[in-house]
Protein backbone atom coordinates (compact mmCIF):
# COMPACT_ATOMS: atom_id res chain seq x y z
CA UNK A 1 -56.16 -32.29 -30.27
CA UNK A 2 -59.44 -31.85 -31.86
CA UNK A 3 -62.54 -33.55 -30.34
CA UNK A 4 -64.02 -37.00 -32.21
CA UNK A 5 -67.01 -37.19 -29.92
CA UNK A 6 -69.20 -34.62 -28.86
CA UNK A 7 -72.86 -34.76 -27.24
CA UNK A 8 -74.68 -32.61 -25.58
CA UNK A 9 -78.16 -35.51 -24.42
CA UNK A 10 -80.40 -35.07 -22.46
CA UNK A 11 -82.56 -38.61 -21.10
CA UNK A 12 -85.16 -39.72 -18.85
CA UNK A 13 -84.57 -42.36 -17.08
CA UNK A 14 -86.79 -44.48 -13.94
CA UNK A 15 -84.37 -43.33 -11.37
CA UNK A 16 -82.85 -39.76 -12.67
CA UNK A 17 -82.17 -37.44 -15.71
CA UNK A 18 -79.46 -38.35 -17.36
CA UNK A 19 -78.22 -34.70 -18.24
CA UNK A 20 -74.46 -34.77 -19.69
CA UNK A 21 -72.42 -32.70 -22.30
CA UNK A 22 -68.68 -33.45 -23.39
CA UNK A 23 -66.23 -33.27 -25.92
CA UNK A 24 -63.93 -36.46 -25.87
CA UNK A 25 -60.46 -36.35 -28.08
CA UNK A 26 -58.87 -39.49 -29.21
CA UNK A 27 -57.55 -41.77 -26.47
CA UNK A 28 -59.05 -43.91 -23.87
CA UNK A 29 -61.39 -42.42 -21.76
CA UNK A 30 -62.77 -43.79 -18.33
CA UNK A 31 -66.25 -43.62 -17.36
CA UNK A 32 -66.81 -43.82 -13.56
CA UNK A 33 -69.29 -43.20 -10.79
CA UNK A 34 -71.94 -45.30 -8.95
CA UNK A 35 -74.16 -47.77 -10.19
CA UNK A 36 -77.33 -46.80 -11.21
CA UNK A 37 -76.04 -43.42 -12.17
CA UNK A 38 -76.24 -42.98 -15.62
CA UNK A 39 -72.94 -44.94 -17.47
CA UNK A 40 -74.53 -47.26 -19.23
CA UNK A 41 -78.09 -45.03 -20.42
CA UNK A 42 -74.47 -42.40 -21.59
CA UNK A 43 -73.10 -45.81 -24.08
CA UNK A 44 -76.28 -46.89 -25.00
CA UNK A 45 -77.38 -43.02 -26.06
CA UNK A 46 -74.36 -42.57 -28.29
CA UNK A 47 -74.27 -45.91 -29.94
CA UNK A 48 -78.01 -45.39 -31.10
CA UNK A 49 -79.39 -47.96 -28.75
CA UNK A 50 -82.05 -45.71 -26.93
CA UNK A 51 -82.73 -41.97 -28.29
CA UNK A 52 -82.73 -39.13 -26.16
CA UNK A 53 -85.41 -37.06 -25.11
CA UNK A 54 -83.56 -33.87 -27.00
CA UNK A 55 -79.80 -32.52 -27.49
CA UNK A 56 -77.33 -33.98 -30.09
CA UNK A 57 -74.29 -36.66 -30.47
CA UNK A 58 -71.49 -35.97 -32.52
CA UNK A 59 -68.88 -38.50 -34.34
CA UNK A 60 -65.79 -37.98 -35.95
CA UNK A 61 -67.71 -34.54 -37.20
CA UNK A 62 -71.46 -36.52 -37.82
CA UNK A 63 -74.93 -35.79 -36.15
CA UNK A 64 -75.83 -38.87 -35.67
CA UNK A 65 -78.31 -37.31 -33.21
CA UNK A 66 -80.51 -33.96 -33.34
CA UNK A 67 -83.37 -33.27 -32.03
CA UNK A 68 -84.01 -30.14 -33.59
CA UNK A 69 -82.72 -31.20 -36.86
CA UNK A 70 -84.66 -34.40 -36.38
CA UNK A 71 -81.59 -36.82 -37.26
CA UNK A 72 -81.39 -40.20 -35.36
CA UNK A 73 -79.40 -42.55 -37.63
CA UNK A 74 -79.89 -46.39 -36.56
CA UNK A 75 -77.33 -48.28 -35.17
CA UNK A 76 -75.45 -49.76 -37.83
CA UNK A 77 -74.36 -46.67 -39.54
CA UNK A 78 -73.49 -45.32 -36.69
CA UNK A 79 -69.43 -46.45 -36.59
CA UNK A 80 -69.26 -47.87 -33.01
CA UNK A 81 -68.17 -50.35 -31.91
CA UNK A 82 -69.59 -51.79 -28.74
CA UNK A 83 -68.55 -54.26 -25.96
CA UNK A 84 -70.90 -55.21 -23.71
CA UNK A 85 -70.83 -56.67 -20.48
CA UNK A 86 -71.65 -59.87 -21.63
CA UNK A 87 -69.65 -61.29 -23.75
CA UNK A 88 -71.99 -61.89 -26.84
CA UNK A 89 -70.87 -64.63 -28.97
CA UNK A 90 -71.94 -67.25 -31.57
CA UNK A 91 -71.53 -70.57 -29.04
CA UNK A 92 -72.40 -72.24 -32.79
CA UNK A 93 -69.50 -70.71 -34.81
CA UNK A 94 -65.67 -70.87 -35.29
CA UNK A 95 -64.09 -67.96 -33.49
CA UNK A 96 -62.93 -66.73 -37.13
CA UNK A 97 -66.86 -66.86 -37.85
CA UNK A 98 -67.79 -64.90 -34.91
CA UNK A 99 -64.85 -62.45 -35.84
CA UNK A 100 -65.88 -62.31 -39.79
CA UNK A 101 -69.95 -61.44 -38.39
CA UNK A 102 -68.99 -58.53 -37.33
CA UNK A 103 -67.63 -57.32 -40.46
CA UNK A 104 -69.60 -54.57 -42.29
CA UNK A 105 -69.55 -54.88 -45.92
CA UNK A 106 -71.00 -51.95 -46.55
CA UNK A 107 -68.31 -49.68 -44.31
CA UNK A 108 -64.82 -48.93 -45.47
CA UNK A 109 -62.41 -50.20 -42.72
CA UNK A 110 -58.47 -50.05 -42.63
CA UNK A 111 -58.97 -52.88 -39.85
CA UNK A 112 -58.50 -56.42 -41.48
CA UNK A 113 -58.87 -59.31 -39.78
CA UNK A 114 -55.14 -60.83 -40.00
CA UNK A 115 -54.27 -57.57 -38.48
CA UNK A 116 -56.97 -58.12 -35.51
CA UNK A 117 -55.80 -61.88 -34.88
CA UNK A 118 -52.32 -60.42 -34.74
CA UNK A 119 -52.56 -57.57 -31.95
CA UNK A 120 -55.03 -59.06 -30.28
CA UNK A 121 -53.17 -62.64 -30.08
CA UNK A 122 -55.74 -64.68 -30.73
CA UNK A 123 -54.61 -66.30 -34.35
CA UNK A 124 -54.16 -69.66 -32.32
CA UNK A 125 -58.07 -69.45 -31.78
CA UNK A 126 -59.67 -69.02 -35.08
CA UNK A 127 -61.05 -73.03 -35.47
CA UNK A 128 -61.80 -73.44 -31.62
CA UNK A 129 -65.45 -72.84 -30.55
CA UNK A 130 -65.93 -70.12 -27.92
CA UNK A 131 -66.06 -72.61 -25.43
CA UNK A 132 -63.32 -73.54 -25.82
CA UNK A 133 -61.58 -70.85 -25.48
CA UNK A 134 -61.30 -68.56 -21.23
CA UNK A 135 -62.77 -65.67 -20.15
CA UNK A 136 -60.11 -63.56 -21.24
CA UNK A 137 -59.75 -65.10 -24.66
CA UNK A 138 -63.20 -64.52 -25.12
CA UNK A 139 -63.29 -61.09 -24.18
CA UNK A 140 -60.55 -60.22 -26.54
CA UNK A 141 -62.87 -62.12 -29.70
CA UNK A 142 -65.46 -59.81 -28.92
CA UNK A 143 -63.33 -56.71 -28.61
CA UNK A 144 -62.01 -57.65 -32.17
CA UNK A 145 -65.54 -58.60 -33.77
CA UNK A 146 -66.47 -54.33 -32.81
CA UNK A 147 -63.56 -53.57 -34.86
CA UNK A 148 -63.84 -55.38 -37.31
CA UNK A 149 -67.66 -54.03 -37.45
CA UNK A 150 -65.97 -49.97 -39.00
CA UNK A 151 -66.07 -48.47 -35.65
CA UNK A 152 -64.47 -45.19 -35.48
CA UNK A 153 -65.33 -45.32 -31.73
CA UNK A 154 -65.14 -48.36 -29.62
CA UNK A 155 -66.92 -48.57 -26.60
CA UNK A 156 -66.86 -50.62 -23.46
CA UNK A 157 -69.24 -51.61 -20.63
CA UNK A 158 -67.77 -53.64 -17.67
CA UNK A 159 -65.59 -54.89 -20.22
CA UNK A 160 -63.79 -56.78 -16.98
CA UNK A 161 -66.99 -57.33 -14.77
CA UNK A 162 -66.84 -60.79 -16.28
CA UNK A 163 -63.04 -62.16 -16.32
CA UNK A 164 -61.45 -62.67 -13.03
CA UNK A 165 -58.86 -60.38 -11.63
CA UNK A 166 -55.50 -62.23 -13.13
CA UNK A 167 -57.05 -61.68 -16.36
CA UNK A 168 -58.17 -58.38 -16.18
CA UNK A 169 -53.96 -57.65 -16.27
CA UNK A 170 -53.66 -60.09 -19.99
CA UNK A 171 -56.73 -57.56 -21.50
CA UNK A 172 -55.67 -54.40 -20.53
CA UNK A 173 -52.01 -53.86 -22.51
CA UNK A 174 -53.96 -55.18 -25.57
CA UNK A 175 -56.07 -52.38 -24.92
CA UNK A 176 -53.40 -49.91 -24.97
CA UNK A 177 -52.08 -51.38 -28.02
CA UNK A 178 -54.95 -51.27 -29.79
CA UNK A 179 -55.24 -47.70 -28.55
CA UNK A 180 -52.39 -47.23 -29.72
CA UNK A 181 -52.11 -48.67 -32.74
CA UNK A 182 -55.86 -48.01 -34.36
CA UNK A 183 -55.98 -44.02 -32.61
CA UNK A 184 -59.72 -44.73 -32.31
CA UNK A 185 -61.05 -43.21 -29.49
CA UNK A 186 -62.21 -45.94 -26.19
CA UNK A 187 -64.52 -45.33 -24.09
CA UNK A 188 -64.84 -47.35 -21.42
CA UNK A 189 -67.39 -47.87 -17.96
CA UNK A 190 -65.87 -49.41 -14.94
CA UNK A 191 -67.16 -49.52 -11.62
CA UNK A 192 -63.33 -50.29 -10.87
CA UNK A 193 -61.40 -47.28 -10.41
CA UNK A 194 -58.50 -49.12 -10.40
CA UNK A 195 -59.01 -50.74 -14.04
CA UNK A 196 -59.49 -47.10 -14.90
CA UNK A 197 -56.24 -45.96 -14.09
CA UNK A 198 -53.68 -48.68 -14.86
CA UNK A 199 -55.34 -47.56 -18.68
CA UNK A 200 -56.29 -44.36 -18.72
CA UNK A 201 -55.41 -41.23 -16.41
CA UNK A 202 -58.44 -39.40 -18.53
CA UNK A 203 -61.72 -39.92 -16.80
CA UNK A 204 -65.64 -38.95 -16.75
CA UNK A 205 -66.89 -38.76 -13.23
CA UNK A 206 -71.04 -39.32 -13.38
CA UNK A 207 -73.25 -38.52 -10.51
CA UNK A 208 -76.95 -39.27 -10.28
CA UNK A 209 -76.82 -38.72 -13.89
CA UNK A 210 -74.51 -35.77 -14.68
CA UNK A 211 -70.75 -35.03 -15.16
CA UNK A 212 -70.01 -34.11 -11.70
CA UNK A 213 -65.72 -33.39 -13.91
CA UNK A 214 -63.91 -34.29 -16.55
CA UNK A 215 -60.20 -34.82 -16.84
CA UNK A 216 -56.93 -35.64 -16.01
CA UNK A 217 -56.95 -38.01 -13.00
CA UNK A 218 -54.28 -35.56 -11.41
CA UNK A 219 -56.16 -32.54 -11.68
CA UNK A 220 -59.55 -33.93 -10.70
CA UNK A 221 -57.58 -35.09 -7.16
CA UNK A 222 -57.26 -31.74 -6.66
CA UNK A 223 -61.17 -31.07 -5.62
CA UNK A 224 -61.86 -33.14 -2.49
CA UNK A 225 -65.24 -33.97 -3.60
CA UNK A 226 -63.68 -35.98 -6.32
CA UNK A 227 -62.11 -37.44 -4.26
CA UNK A 228 -64.71 -38.65 -1.88
CA UNK A 229 -66.80 -40.03 -5.13
CA UNK A 230 -63.91 -42.27 -6.05
CA UNK A 231 -62.59 -43.44 -2.48
CA UNK A 232 -64.65 -46.31 -1.72
CA UNK A 233 -63.61 -47.81 -5.28
CA UNK A 234 -59.95 -48.26 -4.28
CA UNK A 235 -58.62 -45.01 -4.60
CA UNK A 236 -55.19 -44.60 -6.46
CA UNK A 237 -52.54 -42.14 -7.83
CA UNK A 238 -50.98 -42.23 -10.84
CA UNK A 239 -47.67 -41.07 -12.51
CA UNK A 240 -46.59 -41.74 -16.55
CA UNK A 241 -43.24 -41.59 -16.21
CA UNK A 242 -39.87 -43.05 -18.15
CA UNK A 243 -37.37 -45.19 -17.58
CA UNK A 244 -34.32 -43.22 -16.71
CA UNK A 245 -31.60 -45.63 -16.19
CA UNK A 246 -31.22 -49.37 -15.54
CA UNK A 247 -28.92 -50.60 -12.26
CA UNK A 248 -29.14 -54.98 -13.09
CA UNK A 249 -26.68 -55.06 -10.45
CA UNK A 250 -29.05 -53.70 -7.91
CA UNK A 251 -32.02 -54.73 -9.58
CA UNK A 252 -33.37 -51.55 -9.83
CA UNK A 253 -35.43 -49.56 -12.38
CA UNK A 254 -35.05 -45.90 -12.61
CA UNK A 255 -38.40 -43.53 -14.02
CA UNK A 256 -38.60 -40.08 -14.13
CA UNK A 257 -41.20 -37.37 -15.03
CA UNK A 258 -40.20 -36.63 -18.21
CA UNK A 259 -42.39 -32.74 -16.65
CA UNK A 260 -40.45 -32.17 -13.38
CA UNK A 261 -37.77 -33.77 -10.94
CA UNK A 262 -40.01 -36.62 -9.52
CA UNK A 263 -38.08 -39.86 -9.77
CA UNK A 264 -39.31 -42.89 -7.94
CA UNK A 265 -36.64 -46.43 -7.62
CA UNK A 266 -39.03 -49.89 -8.69
CA UNK A 267 -37.84 -53.36 -8.72
CA UNK A 268 -36.86 -55.20 -11.57
CA UNK A 269 -38.99 -57.58 -11.53
CA UNK A 270 -42.08 -55.55 -10.95
CA UNK A 271 -41.69 -55.43 -14.86
CA UNK A 272 -43.59 -58.47 -16.60
CA UNK A 273 -40.98 -57.61 -19.93
CA UNK A 274 -37.94 -57.87 -19.02
CA UNK A 275 -36.39 -55.83 -21.73
CA UNK A 276 -36.61 -52.66 -20.17
CA UNK A 277 -35.57 -49.29 -22.49
CA UNK A 278 -34.35 -46.31 -20.85
CA UNK A 279 -37.08 -43.30 -22.56
CA UNK A 280 -39.58 -46.38 -22.21
CA UNK A 281 -42.96 -45.19 -21.16
CA UNK A 282 -44.46 -46.53 -17.44
CA UNK A 283 -47.45 -45.98 -15.79
CA UNK A 284 -46.77 -46.13 -11.89
CA UNK A 285 -50.25 -46.50 -9.57
CA UNK A 286 -49.96 -46.38 -6.20
CA UNK A 287 -52.61 -46.35 -2.94
CA UNK A 288 -52.28 -43.03 -0.98
CA UNK A 289 -52.56 -45.21 1.91
CA UNK A 290 -49.33 -47.11 1.12
CA UNK A 291 -47.66 -43.91 1.46
CA UNK A 292 -46.07 -42.39 4.28
CA UNK A 293 -44.84 -38.85 5.09
CA UNK A 294 -41.91 -37.33 6.86
CA UNK A 295 -40.66 -34.05 7.78
CA UNK A 296 -36.92 -34.57 6.87
CA UNK A 297 -35.37 -37.78 5.04
CA UNK A 298 -35.14 -40.76 6.97
CA UNK A 299 -31.72 -42.47 7.15
CA UNK A 300 -31.22 -46.04 7.87
CA UNK A 301 -34.50 -47.32 6.88
CA UNK A 302 -35.38 -49.81 3.86
CA UNK A 303 -37.81 -47.42 1.73
CA UNK A 304 -35.90 -47.36 -1.29
CA UNK A 305 -38.52 -44.10 -2.22
CA UNK A 306 -38.38 -40.87 -0.26
CA UNK A 307 -39.48 -37.80 -2.82
CA UNK A 308 -39.58 -34.42 -1.43
CA UNK A 309 -43.09 -32.24 -2.33
CA UNK A 310 -44.85 -29.12 -0.27
CA UNK A 311 -48.74 -29.82 0.93
CA UNK A 312 -51.37 -27.89 -1.54
CA UNK A 313 -53.78 -29.00 -0.22
CA UNK A 314 -55.22 -30.56 3.25
CA UNK A 315 -58.68 -32.42 4.57
CA UNK A 316 -60.12 -34.42 6.91
CA UNK A 317 -63.16 -37.38 6.55
CA UNK A 318 -63.80 -40.04 9.57
CA UNK A 319 -60.60 -39.89 11.33
CA UNK A 320 -58.63 -39.68 8.38
CA UNK A 321 -56.57 -36.89 7.32
CA UNK A 322 -55.76 -36.48 3.06
CA UNK A 323 -52.73 -34.59 2.01
CA UNK A 324 -52.41 -33.10 -1.44
CA UNK A 325 -48.27 -33.47 -1.97
CA UNK A 326 -46.73 -31.50 -4.85
CA UNK A 327 -43.65 -33.41 -5.44
CA UNK A 328 -43.56 -32.48 -9.01
CA UNK A 329 -46.73 -34.77 -9.97
CA UNK A 330 -48.93 -34.28 -7.42
CA UNK A 331 -49.20 -37.72 -4.64
CA UNK A 332 -51.93 -37.95 -2.34
CA UNK A 333 -51.48 -39.41 0.57
CA UNK A 334 -53.87 -40.99 3.57
CA UNK A 335 -52.87 -40.76 6.86
CA UNK A 336 -54.79 -40.30 10.18
CA UNK A 337 -56.27 -37.39 11.77
CA UNK A 338 -53.87 -37.99 14.73
CA UNK A 339 -51.30 -37.58 12.93
CA UNK A 340 -51.69 -35.39 11.06
CA UNK A 341 -51.86 -32.82 14.55
CA UNK A 342 -49.00 -34.43 16.15
CA UNK A 343 -46.73 -33.58 12.55
CA UNK A 344 -48.38 -30.35 12.69
CA UNK A 345 -49.24 -30.27 9.16
CA UNK A 346 -50.51 -28.03 7.11
CA UNK A 347 -50.68 -26.04 3.67
CA UNK A 348 -47.33 -25.06 2.60
CA UNK A 349 -45.72 -27.69 5.02
CA UNK A 350 -42.66 -29.63 3.15
CA UNK A 351 -42.90 -33.00 3.91
CA UNK A 352 -40.99 -36.26 2.82
CA UNK A 353 -42.78 -38.76 0.74
CA UNK A 354 -42.48 -42.51 1.61
CA UNK A 355 -43.36 -45.38 0.17
CA UNK A 356 -41.75 -48.87 -0.55
CA UNK A 357 -40.92 -49.84 -4.47
CA UNK A 358 -43.20 -52.68 -3.84
CA UNK A 359 -45.94 -50.89 -3.50
CA UNK A 360 -46.13 -49.42 -7.16
CA UNK A 361 -48.04 -51.31 -9.76
CA UNK A 362 -46.50 -50.90 -13.14
CA UNK A 363 -48.46 -50.82 -16.30
CA UNK A 364 -45.95 -51.45 -19.31
């Protein structure tokens, strides 16, 4: 898959020098890092809101900034849709007028108001004013306005900070649907790692103004430095699985990896949509601390999931041991250092990862 966003930019900030280089393909990319380490500055440079000291930015094969060639296209010509942290809707305009305000008459777009309002489920709001809408509805309206600008890249800066936890879960499916329907790259900055992981397993990690890692989450967790960076945000395992079978008589759904024999059992009521179909793709999250390790299968126990694997990496921090287990999927498990020593766990040890079905979070 060819890159649709390429950049190599240097931008002086008060606290640090932002020095970042990457190539990003279509899909959703999560941008994570500590506060004040350059995430928003990077988005602002790509959008054209700030000018880098040097480097280049290429969007869909079009140079929009190049310090050597003296190219610096203004914001309106970069075809970037930007959804800001604070939802900037016009309070005196109807929702329809807010959406139409985003339409760039000088830019060709295959996206219509009717299509955007349909996929974002906001048609019933068109005659209302912003103060008559919920936080989640305002966020979807803001996304719709950005799409109608003719955007070929959609960027979102802390899109979940303005809504509560319950509303976040209602926005996430819409972002996934937008990406599938319009196939434009979406860059999402968030300090909340679980929110990002519920959307995508492609992460760009920023620290001190530099990209410390970029790639699939399953590959990033092999490096303990990346785990250290992500741990304070609420670390999760992420699995992209398919529905293998539904067992309504047992109130269970079986999920499996398309690339291995990795399989989990999940409660049927864990799904928001009761009409589960075989081969449906499901994103599954579970915290490392919600997984236990055993040296052999455990009989007569209520835990539904006991997955065999081999420890491929192990390291300790502050009295805790992190075991990376190859079980067909890479599974990160957090246990105490004392347990690690008592069980004599080492690289190469065969173990079983045990966890409750209820510990799994599902995103369809």
